[in-house]
N, C-alpha and C. Protein backbone atom coordinates (compact mmCIF):
# COMPACT_ATOMS: atom_id res chain seq x y z
N UNK A 1 0.85 -1.18 0.00
CA UNK A 1 0.00 0.00 0.00
C UNK A 1 0.89 1.24 0.00
N UNK A 2 0.58 2.21 -0.88
CA UNK A 2 1.38 3.44 -0.88
C UNK A 2 1.33 4.12 0.47
N UNK A 3 2.45 4.73 0.85
CA UNK A 3 2.52 5.34 2.18
C UNK A 3 1.56 6.51 2.34
N UNK A 4 1.26 7.24 1.25
CA UNK A 4 0.34 8.37 1.39
C UNK A 4 -1.07 7.90 1.72
N UNK A 5 -1.43 6.69 1.29
CA UNK A 5 -2.76 6.16 1.66
C UNK A 5 -2.76 5.75 3.11
N UNK A 6 -1.69 5.12 3.54
CA UNK A 6 -1.62 4.66 4.92
C UNK A 6 -1.59 5.83 5.90
N UNK A 7 -0.92 6.92 5.55
CA UNK A 7 -0.79 8.04 6.48
C UNK A 7 -1.97 9.01 6.41
N UNK A 8 -2.63 9.10 5.25
CA UNK A 8 -3.73 10.03 5.08
C UNK A 8 -4.72 9.43 4.09
N UNK A 9 -5.56 8.51 4.53
CA UNK A 9 -6.43 7.78 3.60
C UNK A 9 -7.39 8.68 2.81
N UNK A 10 -7.77 9.80 3.35
CA UNK A 10 -8.68 10.70 2.63
C UNK A 10 -7.94 11.59 1.65
N UNK A 11 -6.61 11.64 1.73
CA UNK A 11 -5.83 12.48 0.84
C UNK A 11 -5.93 13.96 1.17
N UNK A 12 -6.43 14.27 2.34
CA UNK A 12 -6.62 15.67 2.73
C UNK A 12 -5.39 16.20 3.45
N UNK A 13 -5.06 17.43 3.12
CA UNK A 13 -4.01 18.14 3.83
C UNK A 13 -4.35 19.62 3.78
N UNK A 14 -3.55 20.40 4.43
CA UNK A 14 -3.83 21.84 4.48
C UNK A 14 -3.85 22.47 3.09
N UNK A 15 -2.93 22.05 2.23
CA UNK A 15 -2.83 22.61 0.89
C UNK A 15 -4.08 22.30 0.05
N UNK A 16 -4.58 21.08 0.13
CA UNK A 16 -5.77 20.73 -0.65
C UNK A 16 -7.01 21.43 -0.10
N UNK A 17 -7.09 21.58 1.20
CA UNK A 17 -8.21 22.29 1.82
C UNK A 17 -8.19 23.76 1.42
N UNK A 18 -7.01 24.37 1.45
CA UNK A 18 -6.88 25.78 1.08
C UNK A 18 -7.21 25.99 -0.40
N UNK A 19 -6.75 25.07 -1.26
CA UNK A 19 -7.02 25.20 -2.69
C UNK A 19 -8.53 25.08 -2.97
N UNK A 20 -9.19 24.16 -2.29
CA UNK A 20 -10.64 23.99 -2.46
C UNK A 20 -11.38 25.25 -2.02
N UNK A 21 -10.98 25.82 -0.89
CA UNK A 21 -11.61 27.05 -0.39
C UNK A 21 -11.36 28.21 -1.35
N UNK A 22 -10.13 28.34 -1.82
CA UNK A 22 -9.77 29.42 -2.73
C UNK A 22 -10.58 29.30 -4.03
N UNK A 23 -10.70 28.10 -4.55
CA UNK A 23 -11.45 27.88 -5.79
C UNK A 23 -12.93 28.21 -5.61
N UNK A 24 -13.49 27.79 -4.50
CA UNK A 24 -14.91 28.06 -4.23
C UNK A 24 -15.17 29.56 -4.09
N UNK A 25 -14.33 30.24 -3.32
CA UNK A 25 -14.51 31.68 -3.10
C UNK A 25 -14.31 32.46 -4.41
N UNK A 26 -13.28 32.12 -5.16
CA UNK A 26 -13.01 32.81 -6.42
C UNK A 26 -14.15 32.58 -7.42
N UNK A 27 -14.69 31.37 -7.46
CA UNK A 27 -15.81 31.08 -8.36
C UNK A 27 -17.03 31.91 -8.00
N UNK A 28 -17.28 32.04 -6.71
CA UNK A 28 -18.40 32.85 -6.25
C UNK A 28 -18.19 34.33 -6.61
N UNK A 29 -16.98 34.83 -6.43
CA UNK A 29 -16.69 36.22 -6.81
C UNK A 29 -16.89 36.44 -8.31
N UNK A 30 -16.50 35.47 -9.11
CA UNK A 30 -16.69 35.58 -10.57
C UNK A 30 -18.18 35.63 -10.91
N UNK A 31 -18.97 34.84 -10.23
CA UNK A 31 -20.42 34.86 -10.46
C UNK A 31 -21.00 36.21 -10.04
N UNK A 32 -20.60 36.70 -8.87
CA UNK A 32 -21.11 38.00 -8.41
C UNK A 32 -20.75 39.12 -9.38
N UNK A 33 -19.50 39.15 -9.84
CA UNK A 33 -19.09 40.21 -10.76
C UNK A 33 -19.83 40.09 -12.10
N UNK A 34 -20.00 38.89 -12.58
CA UNK A 34 -20.75 38.70 -13.83
C UNK A 34 -22.19 39.13 -13.69
N UNK A 35 -22.80 38.81 -12.57
CA UNK A 35 -24.18 39.23 -12.34
C UNK A 35 -24.27 40.76 -12.22
N UNK A 36 -23.28 41.36 -11.56
CA UNK A 36 -23.23 42.81 -11.43
C UNK A 36 -23.13 43.47 -12.81
N UNK A 37 -22.41 42.83 -13.73
CA UNK A 37 -22.26 43.34 -15.09
C UNK A 37 -23.40 42.91 -16.01
N UNK A 38 -24.38 42.22 -15.45
CA UNK A 38 -25.57 41.76 -16.19
C UNK A 38 -25.22 40.83 -17.36
N UNK A 39 -24.21 39.99 -17.15
CA UNK A 39 -23.86 39.02 -18.18
C UNK A 39 -24.81 37.83 -18.07
N UNK A 40 -25.40 37.40 -19.17
CA UNK A 40 -26.48 36.42 -19.11
C UNK A 40 -26.07 35.01 -18.69
N UNK A 41 -24.89 34.58 -19.08
CA UNK A 41 -24.46 33.22 -18.74
C UNK A 41 -23.29 33.29 -17.78
N UNK A 42 -23.59 33.81 -16.58
CA UNK A 42 -22.59 34.10 -15.56
C UNK A 42 -21.79 32.88 -15.14
N UNK A 43 -22.33 31.70 -15.33
CA UNK A 43 -21.63 30.48 -14.91
C UNK A 43 -20.34 30.27 -15.70
N UNK A 44 -20.25 30.84 -16.92
CA UNK A 44 -19.01 30.71 -17.69
C UNK A 44 -17.86 31.42 -16.98
N UNK A 45 -18.14 32.48 -16.27
CA UNK A 45 -17.09 33.18 -15.52
C UNK A 45 -16.55 32.27 -14.41
N UNK A 46 -17.43 31.57 -13.73
CA UNK A 46 -16.99 30.65 -12.68
C UNK A 46 -16.16 29.51 -13.29
N UNK A 47 -16.60 28.99 -14.42
CA UNK A 47 -15.87 27.92 -15.09
C UNK A 47 -14.49 28.41 -15.50
N UNK A 48 -14.42 29.60 -16.09
CA UNK A 48 -13.13 30.16 -16.51
C UNK A 48 -12.21 30.37 -15.31
N UNK A 49 -12.77 30.81 -14.20
CA UNK A 49 -11.98 30.99 -12.98
C UNK A 49 -11.36 29.66 -12.56
N UNK A 50 -12.15 28.60 -12.58
CA UNK A 50 -11.63 27.29 -12.20
C UNK A 50 -10.55 26.79 -13.16
N UNK A 51 -10.71 27.11 -14.44
CA UNK A 51 -9.72 26.68 -15.44
C UNK A 51 -8.38 27.37 -15.21
N UNK A 52 -8.40 28.66 -14.92
CA UNK A 52 -7.14 29.40 -14.80
C UNK A 52 -6.55 29.36 -13.40
N UNK A 53 -7.29 28.90 -12.44
CA UNK A 53 -6.81 28.90 -11.06
C UNK A 53 -5.81 27.76 -10.88
N UNK A 54 -4.57 28.06 -11.17
CA UNK A 54 -3.49 27.09 -11.06
C UNK A 54 -2.72 27.34 -9.77
N UNK A 55 -1.71 26.54 -9.54
CA UNK A 55 -0.97 26.65 -8.29
C UNK A 55 -0.07 27.88 -8.21
N UNK A 56 0.45 28.34 -9.35
CA UNK A 56 1.36 29.48 -9.32
C UNK A 56 0.85 30.57 -10.25
N UNK A 57 1.32 31.78 -10.04
CA UNK A 57 0.93 32.89 -10.90
C UNK A 57 1.40 32.64 -12.32
N UNK A 58 2.60 32.11 -12.50
CA UNK A 58 3.12 31.83 -13.83
C UNK A 58 2.25 30.83 -14.59
N UNK A 59 1.86 29.76 -13.94
CA UNK A 59 1.00 28.76 -14.59
C UNK A 59 -0.37 29.35 -14.89
N UNK A 60 -0.88 30.16 -13.99
CA UNK A 60 -2.19 30.79 -14.20
C UNK A 60 -2.13 31.80 -15.35
N UNK A 61 -1.06 32.57 -15.42
CA UNK A 61 -0.92 33.53 -16.51
C UNK A 61 -0.85 32.82 -17.86
N UNK A 62 -0.10 31.75 -17.90
CA UNK A 62 0.07 31.01 -19.15
C UNK A 62 -1.27 30.49 -19.67
N UNK A 63 -2.05 29.83 -18.82
CA UNK A 63 -3.33 29.28 -19.27
C UNK A 63 -4.33 30.41 -19.53
N UNK A 64 -4.21 31.52 -18.80
CA UNK A 64 -5.12 32.65 -19.00
C UNK A 64 -4.94 33.28 -20.38
N UNK A 65 -3.70 33.46 -20.80
CA UNK A 65 -3.44 34.04 -22.11
C UNK A 65 -4.00 33.13 -23.20
N UNK A 66 -3.74 31.84 -23.08
CA UNK A 66 -4.26 30.89 -24.08
C UNK A 66 -5.78 30.88 -24.08
N UNK A 67 -6.36 30.95 -22.90
CA UNK A 67 -7.83 30.94 -22.79
C UNK A 67 -8.42 32.20 -23.41
N UNK A 68 -7.84 33.34 -23.12
CA UNK A 68 -8.36 34.60 -23.64
C UNK A 68 -8.22 34.68 -25.16
N UNK A 69 -7.06 34.31 -25.67
CA UNK A 69 -6.86 34.33 -27.12
C UNK A 69 -7.80 33.34 -27.80
N UNK A 70 -7.83 32.12 -27.30
CA UNK A 70 -8.69 31.10 -27.89
C UNK A 70 -10.15 31.50 -27.86
N UNK A 71 -10.59 32.03 -26.74
CA UNK A 71 -11.99 32.42 -26.63
C UNK A 71 -12.32 33.58 -27.57
N UNK A 72 -11.42 34.54 -27.68
CA UNK A 72 -11.66 35.68 -28.59
C UNK A 72 -11.76 35.20 -30.03
N UNK A 73 -10.83 34.36 -30.45
CA UNK A 73 -10.84 33.85 -31.82
C UNK A 73 -12.08 32.99 -32.08
N UNK A 74 -12.41 32.12 -31.14
CA UNK A 74 -13.58 31.25 -31.30
C UNK A 74 -14.89 32.02 -31.30
N UNK A 75 -15.02 33.00 -30.42
CA UNK A 75 -16.24 33.80 -30.36
C UNK A 75 -16.41 34.63 -31.62
N UNK A 76 -15.33 35.24 -32.08
CA UNK A 76 -15.37 36.04 -33.31
C UNK A 76 -15.73 35.15 -34.50
N UNK A 77 -15.10 34.01 -34.61
CA UNK A 77 -15.39 33.08 -35.70
C UNK A 77 -16.84 32.60 -35.62
N UNK A 78 -17.30 32.31 -34.42
CA UNK A 78 -18.68 31.88 -34.24
C UNK A 78 -19.68 32.94 -34.66
N UNK A 79 -19.39 34.20 -34.33
CA UNK A 79 -20.29 35.30 -34.71
C UNK A 79 -20.34 35.44 -36.22
N UNK A 80 -19.19 35.41 -36.88
CA UNK A 80 -19.15 35.56 -38.34
C UNK A 80 -19.87 34.40 -39.01
N UNK A 81 -19.56 33.18 -38.62
CA UNK A 81 -20.19 32.02 -39.25
C UNK A 81 -21.69 31.97 -38.98
N UNK A 82 -22.09 32.36 -37.76
CA UNK A 82 -23.53 32.37 -37.43
C UNK A 82 -24.30 33.40 -38.25
N UNK A 83 -23.68 34.55 -38.49
CA UNK A 83 -24.34 35.57 -39.30
C UNK A 83 -24.66 35.07 -40.71
N UNK A 84 -23.71 34.34 -41.28
CA UNK A 84 -23.88 33.89 -42.66
C UNK A 84 -24.56 32.54 -42.80
N UNK A 85 -24.40 31.66 -41.81
CA UNK A 85 -24.89 30.29 -41.98
C UNK A 85 -25.85 29.82 -40.90
N UNK A 86 -25.99 30.59 -39.82
CA UNK A 86 -26.85 30.15 -38.72
C UNK A 86 -26.22 28.98 -37.98
N UNK A 87 -27.01 28.32 -37.13
CA UNK A 87 -26.48 27.18 -36.36
C UNK A 87 -26.41 25.91 -37.22
N UNK A 88 -25.38 25.80 -38.00
CA UNK A 88 -25.22 24.71 -38.96
C UNK A 88 -24.06 23.82 -38.52
N UNK A 89 -24.33 22.54 -38.26
CA UNK A 89 -23.29 21.65 -37.74
C UNK A 89 -22.17 21.40 -38.75
N UNK A 90 -22.48 21.45 -40.03
CA UNK A 90 -21.45 21.22 -41.04
C UNK A 90 -20.51 22.42 -41.12
N UNK A 91 -21.08 23.61 -41.05
CA UNK A 91 -20.26 24.83 -41.04
C UNK A 91 -19.46 24.89 -39.73
N UNK A 92 -20.08 24.46 -38.65
CA UNK A 92 -19.38 24.38 -37.37
C UNK A 92 -18.16 23.47 -37.50
N UNK A 93 -18.33 22.32 -38.14
CA UNK A 93 -17.23 21.37 -38.31
C UNK A 93 -16.09 21.99 -39.12
N UNK A 94 -16.44 22.68 -40.18
CA UNK A 94 -15.43 23.38 -40.98
C UNK A 94 -14.77 24.46 -40.13
N UNK A 95 -15.56 25.16 -39.32
CA UNK A 95 -15.02 26.19 -38.43
C UNK A 95 -14.01 25.62 -37.44
N UNK A 96 -14.30 24.47 -36.87
CA UNK A 96 -13.37 23.81 -35.95
C UNK A 96 -12.05 23.50 -36.67
N UNK A 97 -12.18 22.95 -37.89
CA UNK A 97 -10.99 22.63 -38.67
C UNK A 97 -10.16 23.89 -38.93
N UNK A 98 -10.83 24.95 -39.33
CA UNK A 98 -10.12 26.21 -39.61
C UNK A 98 -9.48 26.80 -38.35
N UNK A 99 -10.16 26.68 -37.23
CA UNK A 99 -9.57 27.15 -35.96
C UNK A 99 -8.31 26.35 -35.63
N UNK A 100 -8.34 25.06 -35.90
CA UNK A 100 -7.16 24.23 -35.66
C UNK A 100 -5.99 24.68 -36.52
N UNK A 101 -6.26 24.97 -37.79
CA UNK A 101 -5.20 25.45 -38.68
C UNK A 101 -4.70 26.82 -38.24
N UNK A 102 -5.61 27.71 -37.89
CA UNK A 102 -5.25 29.06 -37.48
C UNK A 102 -4.39 29.06 -36.22
N UNK A 103 -4.81 28.31 -35.21
CA UNK A 103 -4.04 28.30 -33.96
C UNK A 103 -2.68 27.62 -34.16
N UNK A 104 -2.62 26.61 -35.03
CA UNK A 104 -1.34 25.97 -35.31
C UNK A 104 -0.43 26.93 -36.07
N UNK A 105 -0.98 27.64 -37.05
CA UNK A 105 -0.19 28.59 -37.83
C UNK A 105 0.33 29.74 -36.96
N UNK A 106 -0.44 30.09 -35.94
CA UNK A 106 -0.03 31.15 -35.02
C UNK A 106 0.90 30.62 -33.92
N UNK A 107 1.25 29.34 -33.99
CA UNK A 107 2.14 28.70 -33.02
C UNK A 107 1.58 28.78 -31.60
N UNK A 108 0.26 28.62 -31.49
CA UNK A 108 -0.38 28.63 -30.18
C UNK A 108 -0.49 27.20 -29.67
N UNK A 109 -0.47 27.06 -28.39
CA UNK A 109 -0.64 25.78 -27.73
C UNK A 109 -2.00 25.19 -28.09
N UNK A 110 -2.13 23.89 -28.03
CA UNK A 110 -3.42 23.25 -28.33
C UNK A 110 -4.52 23.68 -27.37
N UNK A 111 -4.14 24.19 -26.22
CA UNK A 111 -5.16 24.70 -25.30
C UNK A 111 -5.92 25.86 -25.93
N UNK A 112 -5.22 26.73 -26.65
CA UNK A 112 -5.89 27.85 -27.33
C UNK A 112 -6.89 27.31 -28.35
N UNK A 113 -6.52 26.27 -29.06
CA UNK A 113 -7.43 25.64 -30.03
C UNK A 113 -8.65 25.06 -29.32
N UNK A 114 -8.42 24.37 -28.21
CA UNK A 114 -9.53 23.79 -27.44
C UNK A 114 -10.49 24.88 -26.97
N UNK A 115 -9.96 25.96 -26.42
CA UNK A 115 -10.81 27.05 -25.94
C UNK A 115 -11.54 27.74 -27.08
N UNK A 116 -10.86 27.89 -28.22
CA UNK A 116 -11.50 28.49 -29.40
C UNK A 116 -12.66 27.62 -29.87
N UNK A 117 -12.46 26.33 -29.88
CA UNK A 117 -13.52 25.41 -30.29
C UNK A 117 -14.72 25.45 -29.36
N UNK A 118 -14.47 25.54 -28.07
CA UNK A 118 -15.56 25.63 -27.10
C UNK A 118 -16.35 26.92 -27.33
N UNK A 119 -15.64 28.03 -27.50
CA UNK A 119 -16.33 29.31 -27.75
C UNK A 119 -17.12 29.25 -29.05
N UNK A 120 -16.54 28.66 -30.08
CA UNK A 120 -17.26 28.52 -31.36
C UNK A 120 -18.55 27.74 -31.15
N UNK A 121 -18.49 26.65 -30.43
CA UNK A 121 -19.68 25.83 -30.18
C UNK A 121 -20.74 26.61 -29.41
N UNK A 122 -20.31 27.32 -28.37
CA UNK A 122 -21.27 28.07 -27.55
C UNK A 122 -21.93 29.18 -28.36
N UNK A 123 -21.16 29.89 -29.15
CA UNK A 123 -21.71 31.00 -29.92
C UNK A 123 -22.54 30.50 -31.09
N UNK A 124 -22.09 29.45 -31.74
CA UNK A 124 -22.71 29.04 -32.99
C UNK A 124 -23.84 28.01 -32.83
N UNK A 125 -23.75 27.14 -31.85
CA UNK A 125 -24.70 26.02 -31.78
C UNK A 125 -25.80 26.17 -30.74
N UNK A 126 -25.64 27.07 -29.79
CA UNK A 126 -26.69 27.29 -28.80
C UNK A 126 -27.65 28.32 -29.36
N UNK A 127 -28.89 27.92 -29.55
CA UNK A 127 -29.88 28.83 -30.15
C UNK A 127 -30.24 29.96 -29.19
N UNK A 128 -30.17 31.18 -29.69
CA UNK A 128 -30.51 32.37 -28.91
C UNK A 128 -31.23 33.35 -29.81
N UNK A 129 -31.87 34.33 -29.19
CA UNK A 129 -32.59 35.34 -29.97
C UNK A 129 -31.72 36.56 -30.27
N UNK A 130 -30.62 36.74 -29.53
CA UNK A 130 -29.75 37.89 -29.73
C UNK A 130 -28.91 37.72 -31.00
N UNK A 131 -28.37 38.84 -31.46
CA UNK A 131 -27.44 38.84 -32.58
C UNK A 131 -26.21 38.00 -32.22
N UNK A 132 -25.63 37.31 -33.19
CA UNK A 132 -24.40 36.55 -32.90
C UNK A 132 -23.28 37.42 -32.34
N UNK A 133 -23.24 38.71 -32.71
CA UNK A 133 -22.22 39.60 -32.17
C UNK A 133 -22.42 39.82 -30.67
N UNK A 134 -23.67 39.94 -30.25
CA UNK A 134 -23.98 40.12 -28.82
C UNK A 134 -23.61 38.85 -28.06
N UNK A 135 -23.97 37.71 -28.62
CA UNK A 135 -23.64 36.43 -27.98
C UNK A 135 -22.12 36.27 -27.86
N UNK A 136 -21.40 36.60 -28.92
CA UNK A 136 -19.94 36.49 -28.90
C UNK A 136 -19.34 37.44 -27.86
N UNK A 137 -19.86 38.67 -27.80
CA UNK A 137 -19.36 39.64 -26.81
C UNK A 137 -19.62 39.16 -25.40
N UNK A 138 -20.84 38.65 -25.14
CA UNK A 138 -21.15 38.13 -23.81
C UNK A 138 -20.22 36.98 -23.46
N UNK A 139 -20.02 36.07 -24.38
CA UNK A 139 -19.14 34.92 -24.14
C UNK A 139 -17.74 35.40 -23.77
N UNK A 140 -17.19 36.29 -24.57
CA UNK A 140 -15.85 36.80 -24.31
C UNK A 140 -15.80 37.52 -22.95
N UNK A 141 -16.80 38.32 -22.67
CA UNK A 141 -16.85 39.08 -21.40
C UNK A 141 -16.92 38.15 -20.20
N UNK A 142 -17.74 37.12 -20.30
CA UNK A 142 -17.87 36.17 -19.19
C UNK A 142 -16.55 35.46 -18.91
N UNK A 143 -15.86 35.07 -19.98
CA UNK A 143 -14.57 34.40 -19.81
C UNK A 143 -13.54 35.39 -19.26
N UNK A 144 -13.54 36.62 -19.76
CA UNK A 144 -12.59 37.63 -19.28
C UNK A 144 -12.78 37.91 -17.79
N UNK A 145 -14.03 37.97 -17.34
CA UNK A 145 -14.30 38.17 -15.91
C UNK A 145 -13.72 37.00 -15.11
N UNK A 146 -13.95 35.79 -15.57
CA UNK A 146 -13.42 34.62 -14.87
C UNK A 146 -11.90 34.61 -14.81
N UNK A 147 -11.28 34.97 -15.92
CA UNK A 147 -9.81 35.03 -15.96
C UNK A 147 -9.31 36.10 -14.99
N UNK A 148 -9.94 37.26 -15.01
CA UNK A 148 -9.55 38.35 -14.11
C UNK A 148 -9.63 37.91 -12.65
N UNK A 149 -10.74 37.31 -12.28
CA UNK A 149 -10.91 36.87 -10.89
C UNK A 149 -9.91 35.77 -10.54
N UNK A 150 -9.69 34.84 -11.46
CA UNK A 150 -8.72 33.77 -11.21
C UNK A 150 -7.32 34.31 -10.98
N UNK A 151 -6.89 35.23 -11.85
CA UNK A 151 -5.55 35.80 -11.70
C UNK A 151 -5.43 36.66 -10.44
N UNK A 152 -6.47 37.44 -10.17
CA UNK A 152 -6.47 38.25 -8.96
C UNK A 152 -6.38 37.37 -7.71
N UNK A 153 -7.09 36.27 -7.73
CA UNK A 153 -7.07 35.35 -6.59
C UNK A 153 -5.68 34.76 -6.39
N UNK A 154 -5.04 34.33 -7.47
CA UNK A 154 -3.70 33.76 -7.36
C UNK A 154 -2.71 34.82 -6.88
N UNK A 155 -2.93 36.05 -7.30
CA UNK A 155 -2.03 37.13 -6.89
C UNK A 155 -2.17 37.46 -5.41
N UNK A 156 -3.40 37.57 -4.91
CA UNK A 156 -3.59 37.94 -3.50
C UNK A 156 -3.61 36.75 -2.55
N UNK A 157 -3.81 35.55 -3.10
CA UNK A 157 -3.85 34.35 -2.26
C UNK A 157 -2.99 33.27 -2.91
N UNK A 158 -1.67 33.47 -2.93
CA UNK A 158 -0.79 32.50 -3.59
C UNK A 158 -0.80 31.16 -2.84
N UNK A 159 -0.58 30.12 -3.59
CA UNK A 159 -0.55 28.79 -2.98
C UNK A 159 0.77 28.61 -2.25
N UNK A 160 0.66 28.11 -1.05
CA UNK A 160 1.87 27.85 -0.25
C UNK A 160 2.47 26.53 -0.72
N UNK A 161 3.78 26.51 -0.77
CA UNK A 161 4.46 25.27 -1.11
C UNK A 161 4.46 24.39 0.14
N UNK A 162 4.20 23.12 -0.08
CA UNK A 162 4.19 22.21 1.08
C UNK A 162 5.61 22.04 1.59
N UNK A 163 5.71 21.91 2.90
CA UNK A 163 7.01 21.75 3.53
C UNK A 163 7.57 20.38 3.16
N UNK A 164 8.88 20.31 2.94
CA UNK A 164 9.47 19.01 2.63
C UNK A 164 9.30 18.05 3.80
N UNK A 165 9.11 16.80 3.46
CA UNK A 165 8.93 15.78 4.49
C UNK A 165 10.22 15.60 5.29
N UNK A 166 10.05 15.42 6.57
CA UNK A 166 11.21 15.18 7.44
C UNK A 166 11.79 13.81 7.15
N UNK A 167 13.10 13.73 7.12
CA UNK A 167 13.77 12.45 6.88
C UNK A 167 13.97 11.73 8.19
N UNK A 168 13.79 10.44 8.16
CA UNK A 168 14.01 9.67 9.38
C UNK A 168 15.38 9.10 9.43
């Protein structure tokens, strides 16, 4: 049996408890700020906060940049394609392919492609009454709020490094 199971069967420690609390509080703040800004799908801000809430500021910044770029490109592409073709799964499929080529040509990490594809799907395939430009703007705004809250949280509440284990 691994020693970590024998010593702490639940896998709980101060660091995991603190990270869970930080994630919950930051997600709630993202929801509050999104609601204050009257963003319709405020839950995307909480999701974005959870995505970017990494252990270090450097890791959080890295994923935040990829998330923001990917979401902007995907939302913009979704708005343009929706204007001309509506919610069409075949055009969506071509859009995903083009986003893959675009992000690869721009030498972006595959995470940017993944986030762009998610934004494209949300903007293009979820039926709404608003203009695709409004939907794309809301999507981008919701993600930007989540990224802002996630980065702010990591900045003001950095994760403590666990103390090295004592040697026997």
